[in-house]
Amino acid sequence: MSRPYDDEFDAFMTASWSSLFRAALLMTGDFHAAEDLLQASMAKVYRAWPRVSRVDHPRAYARTVMTNEAISWSRRRSSGERPVDHWPDEATPGHVERVTETEQVRRLLQLLSPRQRAVVVLRYYEDMSEVEIAAALGISQGSVKSHAHHALRMLERLVTAEAEADADLDVESTRGQP
């Protein structure tokens, strides 16, 4: 569906693309991220185009939107992940153990009640406070504390039981060997 200002916006983009892309590339340091940033920013400018087209410098407005978007992206980025040209062949020390522990945690969380699981995930993975969890789940702060306490005790018992079972298996497998 075409809007009455599509041609005007297209002309603006044609005239502004190269300078805005250069700025996006400088902000992101990556060609593909710059394309994504410019596209996301121009989508916002397009939605506001009837108003933006009336300002004295629409390109400056677009650059401001793009700058704010880049800052917002950097705040949301949790890992500092960056694409690389060459992926190293060597394994990361401890990777197998971390994956195994992660799988164990996921499996053990499934053994908790849904409410206990929600409290644990919100508290320890989402880093929410007891007050925030209570509001999110629609329960009292005391219930949050109680669910967390019981969940952690249950997880502790499950981990201990698994460790003891693993130790028993290790003892059984070494019996009768020279």
C-alpha atoms as a PDB file:
ATOM      1  CA  MET A   1       0.000   0.000   0.000  1.00  0.00           C
ATOM      2  CA  SER A   2       1.487   3.260  -1.102  1.00  0.00           C
ATOM      3  CA  ARG A   3       1.309   6.390   0.983  1.00  0.00           C
ATOM      4  CA  PRO A   4       1.137   9.899  -0.491  1.00  0.00           C
ATOM      5  CA  TYR A   5       4.611  10.740   0.810  1.00  0.00           C
ATOM      6  CA  ASP A   6       6.428   7.607  -0.411  1.00  0.00           C
ATOM      7  CA  ASP A   7       7.996   9.370  -3.409  1.00  0.00           C
ATOM      8  CA  GLU A   8       9.190  12.235  -1.208  1.00  0.00           C
ATOM      9  CA  PHE A   9      10.712   9.806   1.306  1.00  0.00           C
ATOM     10  CA  ASP A  10      12.344   7.798  -1.508  1.00  0.00           C
ATOM     11  CA  ALA A  11      13.952  10.985  -2.840  1.00  0.00           C
ATOM     12  CA  PHE A  12      15.202  11.837   0.652  1.00  0.00           C
ATOM     13  CA  MET A  13      16.690   8.357   1.082  1.00  0.00           C
ATOM     14  CA  THR A  14      18.358   8.443  -2.336  1.00  0.00           C
ATOM     15  CA  ALA A  15      19.980  11.784  -1.545  1.00  0.00           C
ATOM     16  CA  SER A  16      20.912  10.902   2.068  1.00  0.00           C
ATOM     17  CA  TRP A  17      21.780   7.228   1.986  1.00  0.00           C
ATOM     18  CA  SER A  18      25.539   7.469   1.425  1.00  0.00           C
ATOM     19  CA  SER A  19      26.221  10.017   4.162  1.00  0.00           C
ATOM     20  CA  LEU A  20      23.910   8.256   6.625  1.00  0.00           C
ATOM     21  CA  PHE A  21      25.491   4.896   5.807  1.00  0.00           C
ATOM     22  CA  ARG A  22      28.989   6.305   6.403  1.00  0.00           C
ATOM     23  CA  ALA A  23      27.869   7.578   9.796  1.00  0.00           C
ATOM     24  CA  ALA A  24      26.269   4.211  10.617  1.00  0.00           C
ATOM     25  CA  LEU A  25      29.448   2.407   9.590  1.00  0.00           C
ATOM     26  CA  LEU A  26      31.521   4.640  11.839  1.00  0.00           C
ATOM     27  CA  MET A  27      29.107   4.086  14.728  1.00  0.00           C
ATOM     28  CA  THR A  28      29.043   0.314  14.406  1.00  0.00           C
ATOM     29  CA  GLY A  29      32.429  -0.512  12.901  1.00  0.00           C
ATOM     30  CA  ASP A  30      30.806  -3.276  10.849  1.00  0.00           C
ATOM     31  CA  PHE A  31      29.315  -3.149   7.344  1.00  0.00           C
ATOM     32  CA  HIS A  32      26.392  -5.474   8.089  1.00  0.00           C
ATOM     33  CA  ALA A  33      25.589  -3.892  11.438  1.00  0.00           C
ATOM     34  CA  ALA A  34      25.650  -0.484   9.732  1.00  0.00           C
ATOM     35  CA  GLU A  35      23.112  -1.695   7.179  1.00  0.00           C
ATOM     36  CA  ASP A  36      20.887  -3.013   9.971  1.00  0.00           C
ATOM     37  CA  LEU A  37      21.227   0.209  11.933  1.00  0.00           C
ATOM     38  CA  LEU A  38      20.387   2.360   8.933  1.00  0.00           C
ATOM     39  CA  GLN A  39      17.397   0.213   8.019  1.00  0.00           C
ATOM     40  CA  ALA A  40      15.983   0.238  11.562  1.00  0.00           C
ATOM     41  CA  SER A  41      16.514   3.976  11.853  1.00  0.00           C
ATOM     42  CA  MET A  42      14.946   4.775   8.502  1.00  0.00           C
ATOM     43  CA  ALA A  43      11.911   2.680   9.399  1.00  0.00           C
ATOM     44  CA  LYS A  44      11.405   5.007  12.361  1.00  0.00           C
ATOM     45  CA  VAL A  45      11.960   8.096  10.216  1.00  0.00           C
ATOM     46  CA  TYR A  46       9.505   6.782   7.610  1.00  0.00           C
ATOM     47  CA  ARG A  47       6.781   6.323  10.214  1.00  0.00           C
ATOM     48  CA  ALA A  48       7.253   9.949  11.267  1.00  0.00           C
ATOM     49  CA  TRP A  49       7.890  11.297   7.745  1.00  0.00           C
ATOM     50  CA  PRO A  50       4.856  13.640   7.538  1.00  0.00           C
ATOM     51  CA  ARG A  51       6.245  15.479  10.563  1.00  0.00           C
ATOM     52  CA  VAL A  52       9.963  15.031   9.720  1.00  0.00           C
ATOM     53  CA  SER A  53       9.567  16.371   6.190  1.00  0.00           C
ATOM     54  CA  ARG A  54       8.484  19.713   7.623  1.00  0.00           C
ATOM     55  CA  VAL A  55      11.634  20.276   9.729  1.00  0.00           C
ATOM     56  CA  ASP A  56      14.473  22.395   8.351  1.00  0.00           C
ATOM     57  CA  HIS A  57      17.021  19.548   8.232  1.00  0.00           C
ATOM     58  CA  PRO A  58      15.451  16.098   7.876  1.00  0.00           C
ATOM     59  CA  ARG A  59      18.874  14.495   7.393  1.00  0.00           C
ATOM     60  CA  ALA A  60      20.006  15.834  10.780  1.00  0.00           C
ATOM     61  CA  TYR A  61      16.821  14.434  12.297  1.00  0.00           C
ATOM     62  CA  ALA A  62      17.505  11.057  10.661  1.00  0.00           C
ATOM     63  CA  ARG A  63      21.096  11.110  11.928  1.00  0.00           C
ATOM     64  CA  THR A  64      19.856  11.823  15.459  1.00  0.00           C
ATOM     65  CA  VAL A  65      17.413   8.913  15.247  1.00  0.00           C
ATOM     66  CA  MET A  66      20.241   6.694  14.004  1.00  0.00           C
ATOM     67  CA  THR A  67      22.588   7.806  16.793  1.00  0.00           C
ATOM     68  CA  ASN A  68      19.954   7.136  19.443  1.00  0.00           C
ATOM     69  CA  GLU A  69      19.249   3.734  17.890  1.00  0.00           C
ATOM     70  CA  ALA A  70      22.978   2.855  17.929  1.00  0.00           C
ATOM     71  CA  ILE A  71      23.243   3.850  21.591  1.00  0.00           C
ATOM     72  CA  SER A  72      20.133   1.835  22.389  1.00  0.00           C
ATOM     73  CA  TRP A  73      21.590  -1.215  20.612  1.00  0.00           C
ATOM     74  CA  SER A  74      24.819  -0.960  22.572  1.00  0.00           C
ATOM     75  CA  ARG A  75      22.891  -0.838  25.839  1.00  0.00           C
ATOM     76  CA  ARG A  76      20.855  -3.905  24.905  1.00  0.00           C
ATOM     77  CA  ARG A  77      23.789  -5.944  23.683  1.00  0.00           C
ATOM     78  CA  SER A  78      24.484  -8.416  26.443  1.00  0.00           C
ATOM     79  CA  SER A  79      27.589 -10.149  25.243  1.00  0.00           C
ATOM     80  CA  GLY A  80      29.641  -7.735  23.195  1.00  0.00           C
ATOM     81  CA  GLU A  81      29.321 -10.260  20.394  1.00  0.00           C
ATOM     82  CA  ARG A  82      31.260  -9.397  17.252  1.00  0.00           C
ATOM     83  CA  PRO A  83      31.445 -11.282  13.959  1.00  0.00           C
ATOM     84  CA  VAL A  84      34.896 -12.660  13.106  1.00  0.00           C
ATOM     85  CA  ASP A  85      36.576 -13.522   9.815  1.00  0.00           C
ATOM     86  CA  HIS A  86      38.274 -16.623  11.204  1.00  0.00           C
ATOM     87  CA  TRP A  87      36.824 -19.004  13.760  1.00  0.00           C
ATOM     88  CA  PRO A  88      39.520 -20.680  15.901  1.00  0.00           C
ATOM     89  CA  ASP A  89      39.705 -24.481  15.654  1.00  0.00           C
ATOM     90  CA  GLU A  90      40.795 -25.064  19.227  1.00  0.00           C
ATOM     91  CA  ALA A  91      38.240 -25.769  21.921  1.00  0.00           C
ATOM     92  CA  THR A  92      37.663 -23.329  24.727  1.00  0.00           C
ATOM     93  CA  PRO A  93      38.947 -24.737  28.027  1.00  0.00           C
ATOM     94  CA  GLY A  94      36.071 -25.731  30.298  1.00  0.00           C
ATOM     95  CA  HIS A  95      33.459 -25.467  27.522  1.00  0.00           C
ATOM     96  CA  VAL A  96      32.268 -29.071  27.815  1.00  0.00           C
ATOM     97  CA  GLU A  97      31.901 -28.731  31.581  1.00  0.00           C
ATOM     98  CA  ARG A  98      29.904 -25.484  31.235  1.00  0.00           C
ATOM     99  CA  VAL A  99      27.582 -27.039  28.657  1.00  0.00           C
ATOM    100  CA  THR A 100      27.083 -30.090  30.859  1.00  0.00           C
ATOM    101  CA  GLU A 101      26.337 -27.899  33.872  1.00  0.00           C
ATOM    102  CA  THR A 102      23.917 -25.800  31.823  1.00  0.00           C
ATOM    103  CA  GLU A 103      22.058 -28.903  30.675  1.00  0.00           C
ATOM    104  CA  GLN A 104      21.965 -30.187  34.252  1.00  0.00           C
ATOM    105  CA  VAL A 105      20.523 -26.887  35.496  1.00  0.00           C
ATOM    106  CA  ARG A 106      17.845 -26.911  32.773  1.00  0.00           C
ATOM    107  CA  ARG A 107      16.920 -30.499  33.583  1.00  0.00           C
ATOM    108  CA  LEU A 108      16.793 -29.868  37.347  1.00  0.00           C
ATOM    109  CA  LEU A 109      14.716 -26.702  36.928  1.00  0.00           C
ATOM    110  CA  GLN A 110      12.075 -28.802  35.191  1.00  0.00           C
ATOM    111  CA  LEU A 111      11.717 -30.838  38.410  1.00  0.00           C
ATOM    112  CA  LEU A 112      10.573 -27.761  40.345  1.00  0.00           C
ATOM    113  CA  SER A 113       6.975 -26.609  40.469  1.00  0.00           C
ATOM    114  CA  PRO A 114       6.123 -23.987  37.827  1.00  0.00           C
ATOM    115  CA  ARG A 115       5.910 -21.245  40.476  1.00  0.00           C
ATOM    116  CA  GLN A 116       9.255 -22.220  42.044  1.00  0.00           C
ATOM    117  CA  ARG A 117      10.850 -22.403  38.597  1.00  0.00           C
ATOM    118  CA  ALA A 118       9.491 -18.949  37.711  1.00  0.00           C
ATOM    119  CA  VAL A 119      10.829 -17.451  40.937  1.00  0.00           C
ATOM    120  CA  VAL A 120      14.289 -19.002  40.441  1.00  0.00           C
ATOM    121  CA  VAL A 121      14.517 -17.923  36.806  1.00  0.00           C
ATOM    122  CA  LEU A 122      13.335 -14.381  37.493  1.00  0.00           C
ATOM    123  CA  ARG A 123      15.620 -13.997  40.497  1.00  0.00           C
ATOM    124  CA  TYR A 124      18.836 -15.626  39.327  1.00  0.00           C
ATOM    125  CA  TYR A 125      18.668 -15.380  35.552  1.00  0.00           C
ATOM    126  CA  GLU A 126      16.733 -12.151  35.066  1.00  0.00           C
ATOM    127  CA  ASP A 127      18.206 -10.556  38.216  1.00  0.00           C
ATOM    128  CA  MET A 128      14.856  -9.211  39.401  1.00  0.00           C
ATOM    129  CA  SER A 129      14.298  -8.164  42.997  1.00  0.00           C
ATOM    130  CA  GLU A 130      11.806  -9.919  45.274  1.00  0.00           C
ATOM    131  CA  VAL A 131       9.468  -6.930  44.963  1.00  0.00           C
ATOM    132  CA  GLU A 132       9.641  -7.052  41.145  1.00  0.00           C
ATOM    133  CA  ILE A 133       9.046 -10.807  41.110  1.00  0.00           C
ATOM    134  CA  ALA A 134       6.066 -10.474  43.448  1.00  0.00           C
ATOM    135  CA  ALA A 135       4.546  -7.849  41.156  1.00  0.00           C
ATOM    136  CA  ALA A 136       5.269  -9.877  38.017  1.00  0.00           C
ATOM    137  CA  LEU A 137       3.753 -13.071  39.413  1.00  0.00           C
ATOM    138  CA  GLY A 138       0.930 -11.431  41.349  1.00  0.00           C
ATOM    139  CA  ILE A 139       1.985 -12.948  44.683  1.00  0.00           C
ATOM    140  CA  SER A 140       3.233 -11.527  47.962  1.00  0.00           C
ATOM    141  CA  GLN A 141       6.895 -10.828  48.635  1.00  0.00           C
ATOM    142  CA  GLY A 142       6.757 -13.441  51.406  1.00  0.00           C
ATOM    143  CA  SER A 143       5.563 -16.038  48.882  1.00  0.00           C
ATOM    144  CA  VAL A 144       8.481 -15.147  46.628  1.00  0.00           C
ATOM    145  CA  LYS A 145      10.897 -15.730  49.509  1.00  0.00           C
ATOM    146  CA  SER A 146       9.201 -18.994  50.426  1.00  0.00           C
ATOM    147  CA  HIS A 147       9.190 -20.320  46.860  1.00  0.00           C
ATOM    148  CA  ALA A 148      12.833 -19.337  46.401  1.00  0.00           C
ATOM    149  CA  HIS A 149      13.841 -20.987  49.674  1.00  0.00           C
ATOM    150  CA  HIS A 150      12.050 -24.260  48.884  1.00  0.00           C
ATOM    151  CA  ALA A 151      13.299 -24.291  45.295  1.00  0.00           C
ATOM    152  CA  LEU A 152      16.921 -23.775  46.314  1.00  0.00           C
ATOM    153  CA  ARG A 153      16.677 -26.501  48.969  1.00  0.00           C
ATOM    154  CA  MET A 154      15.161 -28.870  46.396  1.00  0.00           C
ATOM    155  CA  LEU A 155      17.893 -28.067  43.858  1.00  0.00           C
ATOM    156  CA  GLU A 156      20.542 -28.599  46.521  1.00  0.00           C
ATOM    157  CA  ARG A 157      19.096 -32.031  47.393  1.00  0.00           C
ATOM    158  CA  LEU A 158      18.882 -33.015  43.719  1.00  0.00           C
ATOM    159  CA  VAL A 159      22.462 -31.954  42.968  1.00  0.00           C
ATOM    160  CA  THR A 160      23.733 -33.790  46.067  1.00  0.00           C
ATOM    161  CA  ALA A 161      21.809 -36.935  45.130  1.00  0.00           C
ATOM    162  CA  GLU A 162      23.207 -36.848  41.583  1.00  0.00           C
ATOM    163  CA  ALA A 163      26.747 -36.300  42.856  1.00  0.00           C
ATOM    164  CA  GLU A 164      26.399 -39.260  45.236  1.00  0.00           C
ATOM    165  CA  ALA A 165      24.990 -41.435  42.444  1.00  0.00           C
ATOM    166  CA  ASP A 166      27.907 -40.462  40.181  1.00  0.00           C
ATOM    167  CA  ALA A 167      30.375 -41.275  42.969  1.00  0.00           C
ATOM    168  CA  ASP A 168      28.732 -44.680  43.498  1.00  0.00           C
ATOM    169  CA  LEU A 169      29.024 -45.398  39.775  1.00  0.00           C
ATOM    170  CA  ASP A 170      32.704 -44.433  39.819  1.00  0.00           C
ATOM    171  CA  VAL A 171      33.337 -46.800  42.768  1.00  0.00           C
ATOM    172  CA  GLU A 172      31.426 -49.626  41.057  1.00  0.00           C
ATOM    173  CA  SER A 173      33.333 -49.174  37.808  1.00  0.00           C
ATOM    174  CA  THR A 174      36.729 -49.349  39.557  1.00  0.00           C
ATOM    175  CA  ARG A 175      35.961 -52.521  41.569  1.00  0.00           C
ATOM    176  CA  GLY A 176      37.716 -55.588  40.371  1.00  0.00           C
ATOM    177  CA  GLN A 177      40.228 -53.638  38.312  1.00  0.00           C
ATOM    178  CA  PRO A 178      43.957 -54.070  39.006  1.00  0.00           C
END
